[in-house]
Amino acid sequence: MNDMPDRQPERVSVIMPCYNAADYVGQAVEDVLAQTYEPIEMIVVDDGSTDGSADVVAGYGPTVTLIRQPNAGVSAARNAGLDRATGTFVAFLDADDRWDPRFVETMAAALTDDRADPRDDRPDLAYCGWARFWGDLDTARPFIPWDLEAHGQDKLELMLQSCPFPIHAVLVRLERLREVGGFDLRFPPAEDYHLWLRLAVRCRFKRVPKVMAYYRRHPAQQTADLFRPTLQRCGMLRDFVRTHRRCLQHIPTEKLDDWVNGLLRREGYVAYWRGDLAMARRCFRRMWWTGQARLGDWKVVLASLLPQWLHQRLLLWRDAAARDENVPAVTG
């Protein structure tokens, strides 16, 4: 007979930043209220909305803690929520995204399972699979991330190459978030990526290989300027490498340089081949100014200076040449 008392579930704080999301925030709030886990503390931070978003949230009454603030950006809103949070764990759900009803239950179990992890070696952050969708969840495209802790891998090496998961696919211990100071507002929109890197230095992560978080795509979130976010990501990575040298000393300098300074090159080439010459030119120009360009880049750099119509013809010629190479010759 087991005389040990049942352990009470840990409180989870859900923080939802909201800016002009009146069309979606009600659905996001309903997803939190429909969670199969208790107790949940829900905090919505209205970041200066002008479309009635705060009124939608206020309609849920005391079930939801509503904080109103002048517009300061999504990560400032998340930090405001962290200041009010009282849970052991924290999850973030943006006002236009969605969760599976078992998201919190499943993620909390991953962080508190004595059978899977000894009490003195429990992970502090759990992350799951996610899917992007347009309109309704039937259009979702699922993705299961790799296991950052598997087979003795160096998760920092993997994470420096790309952001491993979106913010709404994570449950993390509040104590750890406060230890690293929450979100650093210097690097929008890469503040969440920066936070995961800083947590990776001191925390063990746990993968939940299930799709439980859903990222909504809609016209209001589209941006024409992809160059500035790329620069911000470069600056964030440089700052992280500079301030965490001791943690990264096992990684060859050439690798670090390629992951950090090579980001502009990679984004420039991606933009070039999708026909976004304006983005490609800005990336290549910055590469030359900062001495990051290589001799082999000059062909693409020059091609990116062509008029759009001529560049499109160049791509059509390239595709036609590639098809001809794959067609076997006909002999008589």
Protein backbone atom coordinates (compact mmCIF):
# COMPACT_ATOMS: atom_id res chain seq x y z
CA MET A 1 0.00 0.00 0.00
CA ASN A 2 1.32 3.44 -0.92
CA ASP A 3 1.09 5.77 2.07
CA MET A 4 2.59 8.73 0.16
CA PRO A 5 0.07 11.56 -0.28
CA ASP A 6 -0.89 12.50 -3.83
CA ARG A 7 1.22 15.36 -5.08
CA GLN A 8 -0.78 18.44 -6.00
CA PRO A 9 -0.30 19.68 -9.58
CA GLU A 10 1.95 22.70 -9.93
CA ARG A 11 0.31 25.96 -10.98
CA VAL A 12 0.95 27.01 -14.59
CA SER A 13 0.85 30.68 -15.59
CA VAL A 14 -0.21 31.31 -19.19
CA ILE A 15 0.87 34.71 -20.51
CA MET A 16 -0.84 36.08 -23.60
CA PRO A 17 0.39 39.34 -25.15
CA CYS A 18 -2.28 40.98 -27.28
CA TYR A 19 -2.13 43.83 -29.78
CA ASN A 20 -5.05 44.52 -32.10
CA ALA A 21 -6.12 40.87 -32.23
CA ALA A 22 -9.85 41.29 -31.59
CA ASP A 23 -10.66 38.81 -34.37
CA TYR A 24 -8.59 36.04 -32.78
CA VAL A 25 -8.03 36.65 -29.07
CA GLY A 26 -11.35 35.12 -27.99
CA GLN A 27 -10.44 31.83 -29.65
CA ALA A 28 -7.00 31.85 -27.98
CA VAL A 29 -8.56 32.52 -24.56
CA GLU A 30 -11.06 29.69 -25.13
CA ASP A 31 -8.17 27.33 -25.93
CA VAL A 32 -6.60 28.12 -22.55
CA LEU A 33 -9.90 27.77 -20.69
CA ALA A 34 -10.44 24.39 -22.40
CA GLN A 35 -7.17 22.92 -21.11
CA THR A 36 -7.48 19.59 -19.30
CA TYR A 37 -4.98 20.71 -16.64
CA GLU A 38 -5.54 22.59 -13.38
CA PRO A 39 -4.58 24.95 -11.82
CA ILE A 40 -3.93 27.50 -14.56
CA GLU A 41 -3.44 31.23 -14.02
CA MET A 42 -4.21 33.18 -17.19
CA ILE A 43 -2.70 36.63 -17.74
CA VAL A 44 -3.51 38.68 -20.85
CA VAL A 45 -1.41 41.81 -21.42
CA ASP A 46 -3.12 44.21 -23.80
CA ASP A 47 -0.30 46.15 -25.46
CA GLY A 48 -2.16 49.33 -26.33
CA SER A 49 -4.74 47.79 -28.68
CA THR A 50 -7.08 50.15 -30.52
CA ASP A 51 -9.52 47.57 -31.96
CA GLY A 52 -11.41 46.50 -28.85
CA SER A 53 -9.20 43.51 -28.02
CA ALA A 54 -9.13 44.43 -24.34
CA ASP A 55 -12.94 44.55 -24.24
CA VAL A 56 -13.10 41.01 -25.65
CA VAL A 57 -10.78 39.78 -22.90
CA ALA A 58 -12.56 41.76 -20.18
CA GLY A 59 -15.75 39.92 -21.12
CA TYR A 60 -14.32 36.76 -19.54
CA GLY A 61 -14.42 38.41 -16.12
CA PRO A 62 -12.18 37.36 -13.22
CA THR A 63 -11.27 34.10 -14.97
CA VAL A 64 -8.63 36.09 -16.82
CA THR A 65 -6.23 38.65 -15.34
CA LEU A 66 -6.17 41.58 -17.77
CA ILE A 67 -3.25 44.02 -17.74
CA ARG A 68 -3.44 47.13 -19.91
CA GLN A 69 -0.33 49.04 -20.96
CA PRO A 70 0.70 51.56 -23.63
CA ASN A 71 2.08 49.93 -26.74
CA ALA A 72 5.63 48.77 -25.99
CA GLY A 73 6.04 45.64 -28.09
CA VAL A 74 5.28 41.97 -27.67
CA SER A 75 8.26 41.09 -25.47
CA ALA A 76 7.68 44.04 -23.14
CA ALA A 77 4.13 42.71 -22.77
CA ARG A 78 5.45 39.24 -21.99
CA ASN A 79 7.79 40.70 -19.36
CA ALA A 80 4.85 42.53 -17.79
CA GLY A 81 3.05 39.20 -17.57
CA LEU A 82 6.10 37.56 -16.01
CA ASP A 83 6.13 40.24 -13.31
CA ARG A 84 2.60 39.20 -12.31
CA ALA A 85 2.97 35.44 -12.75
CA THR A 86 2.75 33.22 -9.65
CA GLY A 87 2.94 29.76 -11.23
CA THR A 88 5.75 27.25 -10.98
CA PHE A 89 5.77 26.98 -14.76
CA VAL A 90 5.03 29.49 -17.52
CA ALA A 91 3.71 29.08 -21.04
CA PHE A 92 3.22 31.78 -23.68
CA LEU A 93 0.38 31.85 -26.20
CA ASP A 94 0.06 34.77 -28.59
CA ALA A 95 -3.44 36.11 -29.09
CA ASP A 96 -3.72 34.78 -32.65
CA ASP A 97 -2.32 31.28 -32.02
CA ARG A 98 -3.88 28.06 -30.69
CA TRP A 99 -3.23 25.04 -28.48
CA ASP A 100 -4.34 21.44 -28.28
CA PRO A 101 -6.61 20.98 -25.20
CA ARG A 102 -3.98 18.70 -23.60
CA PHE A 103 -1.04 21.04 -24.22
CA VAL A 104 -0.49 22.14 -20.62
CA GLU A 105 -1.19 18.71 -19.15
CA THR A 106 1.26 16.98 -21.48
CA MET A 107 4.00 19.57 -21.12
CA ALA A 108 3.70 19.75 -17.34
CA ALA A 109 3.97 15.95 -17.14
CA ALA A 110 7.21 16.14 -19.13
CA LEU A 111 8.71 18.43 -16.49
CA THR A 112 7.47 16.58 -13.40
CA ASP A 113 7.71 12.87 -14.25
CA ASP A 114 9.77 11.19 -11.50
CA ARG A 115 9.93 7.95 -13.47
CA ALA A 116 11.53 9.58 -16.53
CA ASP A 117 13.84 11.97 -14.72
CA PRO A 118 15.37 11.81 -11.23
CA ARG A 119 14.27 14.70 -9.04
CA ASP A 120 17.78 16.23 -9.06
CA ASP A 121 18.06 16.07 -12.86
CA ARG A 122 14.68 17.24 -14.05
CA PRO A 123 14.45 19.39 -17.15
CA ASP A 124 13.40 23.01 -16.74
CA LEU A 125 12.01 23.52 -20.24
CA ALA A 126 9.76 21.30 -22.35
CA TYR A 127 9.07 21.88 -26.04
CA CYS A 128 6.73 20.13 -28.43
CA GLY A 129 5.87 19.89 -32.11
CA TRP A 130 3.86 22.57 -33.84
CA ALA A 131 1.99 23.30 -37.05
CA ARG A 132 1.32 26.37 -39.16
CA PHE A 133 -2.19 26.95 -40.41
CA TRP A 134 -4.26 29.36 -42.48
CA GLY A 135 -7.87 29.91 -41.46
CA ASP A 136 -8.66 26.63 -39.67
CA LEU A 137 -6.63 23.77 -38.23
CA ASP A 138 -7.47 21.50 -41.19
CA THR A 139 -4.82 23.42 -43.15
CA ALA A 140 -2.10 22.80 -40.52
CA ARG A 141 1.34 21.66 -41.65
CA PRO A 142 2.87 19.72 -38.74
CA PHE A 143 6.51 19.65 -37.67
CA ILE A 144 8.24 17.64 -34.92
CA PRO A 145 11.53 19.24 -33.82
CA TRP A 146 14.72 17.28 -33.24
CA ASP A 147 15.74 16.15 -29.76
CA LEU A 148 18.33 18.68 -28.60
CA GLU A 149 19.49 16.51 -25.71
CA ALA A 150 19.70 13.16 -27.53
CA HIS A 151 22.90 11.11 -27.81
CA GLY A 152 25.05 13.59 -25.96
CA GLN A 153 24.55 16.30 -28.56
CA ASP A 154 25.68 19.83 -27.82
CA LYS A 155 22.36 21.65 -27.92
CA LEU A 156 24.06 25.05 -28.12
CA GLU A 157 25.74 24.02 -31.37
CA LEU A 158 22.38 23.04 -32.82
CA MET A 159 20.57 26.10 -31.48
CA LEU A 160 23.12 28.58 -32.81
CA GLN A 161 22.29 27.42 -36.33
CA SER A 162 18.56 28.19 -36.09
CA CYS A 163 15.82 28.94 -33.59
CA PRO A 164 14.66 25.46 -32.48
CA PHE A 165 11.01 26.11 -31.61
CA PRO A 166 8.37 28.87 -31.53
CA ILE A 167 7.39 30.51 -28.28
CA HIS A 168 3.94 28.93 -28.00
CA ALA A 169 5.42 25.40 -28.09
CA VAL A 170 7.24 25.77 -24.74
CA LEU A 171 6.60 25.30 -21.02
CA VAL A 172 9.40 26.57 -18.77
CA ARG A 173 10.08 26.96 -15.08
CA LEU A 174 9.34 30.54 -13.93
CA GLU A 175 12.36 30.55 -11.61
CA ARG A 176 14.70 30.00 -14.56
CA LEU A 177 13.07 32.78 -16.58
CA ARG A 178 13.61 35.21 -13.74
CA GLU A 179 17.22 34.09 -13.29
CA VAL A 180 18.05 35.14 -16.87
CA GLY A 181 16.00 38.36 -16.68
CA GLY A 182 13.14 37.47 -19.00
CA PHE A 183 13.08 38.83 -22.52
CA ASP A 184 15.87 41.15 -23.68
CA LEU A 185 14.15 43.98 -25.57
CA ARG A 186 17.21 44.91 -27.65
CA PHE A 187 16.67 42.30 -30.36
CA PRO A 188 13.15 42.40 -31.81
CA PRO A 189 11.88 40.10 -33.22
CA ALA A 190 14.56 37.61 -32.03
CA GLU A 191 13.96 38.05 -28.29
CA ASP A 192 12.51 34.56 -27.87
CA TYR A 193 15.44 32.96 -29.75
CA HIS A 194 17.83 34.90 -27.49
CA LEU A 195 15.94 33.69 -24.41
CA TRP A 196 16.17 30.01 -25.46
CA LEU A 197 19.92 30.36 -25.97
CA ARG A 198 20.42 31.90 -22.53
CA LEU A 199 18.30 29.18 -20.93
CA ALA A 200 20.20 26.45 -22.79
CA VAL A 201 23.36 27.49 -20.94
CA ARG A 202 21.85 26.58 -17.56
CA CYS A 203 18.87 24.26 -18.20
CA ARG A 204 18.15 20.80 -19.49
CA PHE A 205 15.46 20.65 -22.16
CA LYS A 206 12.86 17.93 -22.74
CA ARG A 207 11.26 17.20 -26.10
CA VAL A 208 7.60 16.18 -26.34
CA PRO A 209 7.35 14.59 -29.82
CA LYS A 210 3.72 15.54 -30.40
CA VAL A 211 2.13 18.41 -32.31
CA MET A 212 0.29 20.43 -29.65
CA ALA A 213 0.78 24.07 -30.67
CA TYR A 214 -0.59 25.84 -33.73
CA TYR A 215 0.81 28.97 -35.35
CA ARG A 216 -1.72 31.00 -37.29
CA ARG A 217 -0.74 32.69 -40.55
CA HIS A 218 -2.83 35.70 -41.58
CA PRO A 219 -2.33 38.85 -43.69
CA ALA A 220 -2.02 41.24 -40.74
CA GLN A 221 1.25 39.65 -39.60
CA GLN A 222 2.99 39.81 -42.95
CA THR A 223 5.93 42.18 -43.26
CA ALA A 224 7.53 43.54 -46.41
CA ASP A 225 10.85 44.23 -44.71
CA LEU A 226 12.67 40.95 -44.02
CA PHE A 227 16.07 42.62 -43.92
CA ARG A 228 15.76 44.32 -40.54
CA PRO A 229 14.75 41.12 -38.69
CA THR A 230 17.74 39.39 -40.29
CA LEU A 231 20.08 42.13 -39.06
CA GLN A 232 18.56 41.92 -35.59
CA ARG A 233 19.09 38.16 -35.53
CA CYS A 234 22.73 38.65 -36.57
CA GLY A 235 23.21 41.23 -33.81
CA MET A 236 21.58 38.98 -31.24
CA LEU A 237 23.81 36.03 -32.14
CA ARG A 238 26.95 38.19 -32.00
CA ASP A 239 25.93 39.48 -28.58
CA PHE A 240 25.27 35.97 -27.28
CA VAL A 241 28.62 34.66 -28.54
CA ARG A 242 30.45 37.66 -27.07
CA THR A 243 28.83 37.32 -23.64
CA HIS A 244 29.07 33.51 -23.42
CA ARG A 245 32.61 32.84 -24.64
CA ARG A 246 33.36 30.38 -21.85
CA CYS A 247 30.34 28.24 -22.70
CA LEU A 248 31.28 28.19 -26.38
CA GLN A 249 35.05 27.72 -26.20
CA HIS A 250 34.72 24.07 -27.31
CA ILE A 251 33.21 25.17 -30.65
CA PRO A 252 35.77 26.02 -33.36
CA THR A 253 35.94 29.73 -34.16
CA GLU A 254 35.33 29.01 -37.86
CA LYS A 255 32.01 27.34 -37.04
CA LEU A 256 30.86 30.18 -34.83
CA ASP A 257 31.81 32.71 -37.49
CA ASP A 258 29.87 30.82 -40.14
CA TRP A 259 26.75 30.46 -38.00
CA VAL A 260 26.76 34.10 -36.93
CA ASN A 261 28.30 36.09 -39.77
CA GLY A 262 27.19 33.60 -42.42
CA LEU A 263 23.54 34.32 -41.65
CA LEU A 264 23.46 37.32 -43.98
CA ARG A 265 24.94 35.23 -46.80
CA ARG A 266 22.44 32.42 -46.35
CA GLU A 267 19.47 34.82 -46.21
CA GLY A 268 20.83 36.72 -49.21
CA TYR A 269 21.05 33.56 -51.32
CA VAL A 270 17.57 32.41 -50.24
CA ALA A 271 16.16 35.82 -51.23
CA TYR A 272 18.04 35.76 -54.53
CA TRP A 273 16.70 32.38 -55.63
CA ARG A 274 13.12 33.22 -54.71
CA GLY A 275 13.41 36.39 -56.82
CA ASP A 276 13.42 38.91 -53.96
CA LEU A 277 16.23 41.01 -55.43
CA ALA A 278 15.70 43.96 -53.08
CA MET A 279 16.31 41.74 -50.03
CA ALA A 280 19.23 39.97 -51.72
CA ARG A 281 20.93 43.27 -52.63
CA ARG A 282 20.66 44.58 -49.08
CA CYS A 283 22.15 41.38 -47.65
CA PHE A 284 24.99 41.28 -50.19
CA ARG A 285 25.71 45.00 -49.78
CA ARG A 286 26.01 44.58 -46.02
CA MET A 287 28.28 41.55 -46.55
CA TRP A 288 30.69 43.63 -48.63
CA TRP A 289 30.67 46.56 -46.22
CA THR A 290 31.42 44.31 -43.24
CA GLY A 291 34.04 42.18 -45.01
CA GLN A 292 31.97 38.98 -44.87
CA ALA A 293 31.75 38.39 -48.62
CA ARG A 294 33.72 35.61 -50.29
CA LEU A 295 35.29 35.58 -53.73
CA GLY A 296 32.78 33.01 -54.95
CA ASP A 297 29.86 35.32 -54.12
CA TRP A 298 30.54 37.83 -56.89
CA LYS A 299 28.50 36.04 -59.60
CA VAL A 300 25.32 36.09 -57.56
CA VAL A 301 25.99 39.59 -56.25
CA LEU A 302 26.30 40.93 -59.82
CA ALA A 303 23.23 38.97 -60.97
CA SER A 304 21.19 40.49 -58.13
CA LEU A 305 21.86 43.93 -59.62
CA LEU A 306 20.00 43.03 -62.82
CA PRO A 307 16.53 44.48 -63.50
CA GLN A 308 13.75 42.25 -62.21
CA TRP A 309 12.54 41.24 -65.68
CA LEU A 310 16.04 40.24 -66.80
CA HIS A 311 16.63 38.31 -63.60
CA GLN A 312 13.41 36.36 -64.15
CA ARG A 313 14.60 35.41 -67.64
CA LEU A 314 17.89 34.25 -66.13
CA LEU A 315 16.04 31.98 -63.71
CA LEU A 316 13.88 30.58 -66.54
CA TRP A 317 17.02 29.89 -68.59
CA ARG A 318 18.62 28.14 -65.61
CA ASP A 319 15.55 25.95 -65.07
CA ALA A 320 15.35 25.07 -68.76
CA ALA A 321 19.05 24.14 -68.83
CA ALA A 322 18.58 21.92 -65.79
CA ARG A 323 15.64 20.14 -67.46
CA ASP A 324 17.66 19.59 -70.66
CA GLU A 325 20.45 17.95 -68.67
CA ASN A 326 17.97 15.43 -67.28
CA VAL A 327 16.42 14.50 -70.67
CA PRO A 328 18.20 11.51 -72.26
CA ALA A 329 19.47 12.07 -75.79
CA VAL A 330 17.48 10.40 -78.63
CA THR A 331 19.70 8.43 -81.01
CA GLY A 332 18.71 7.08 -84.40
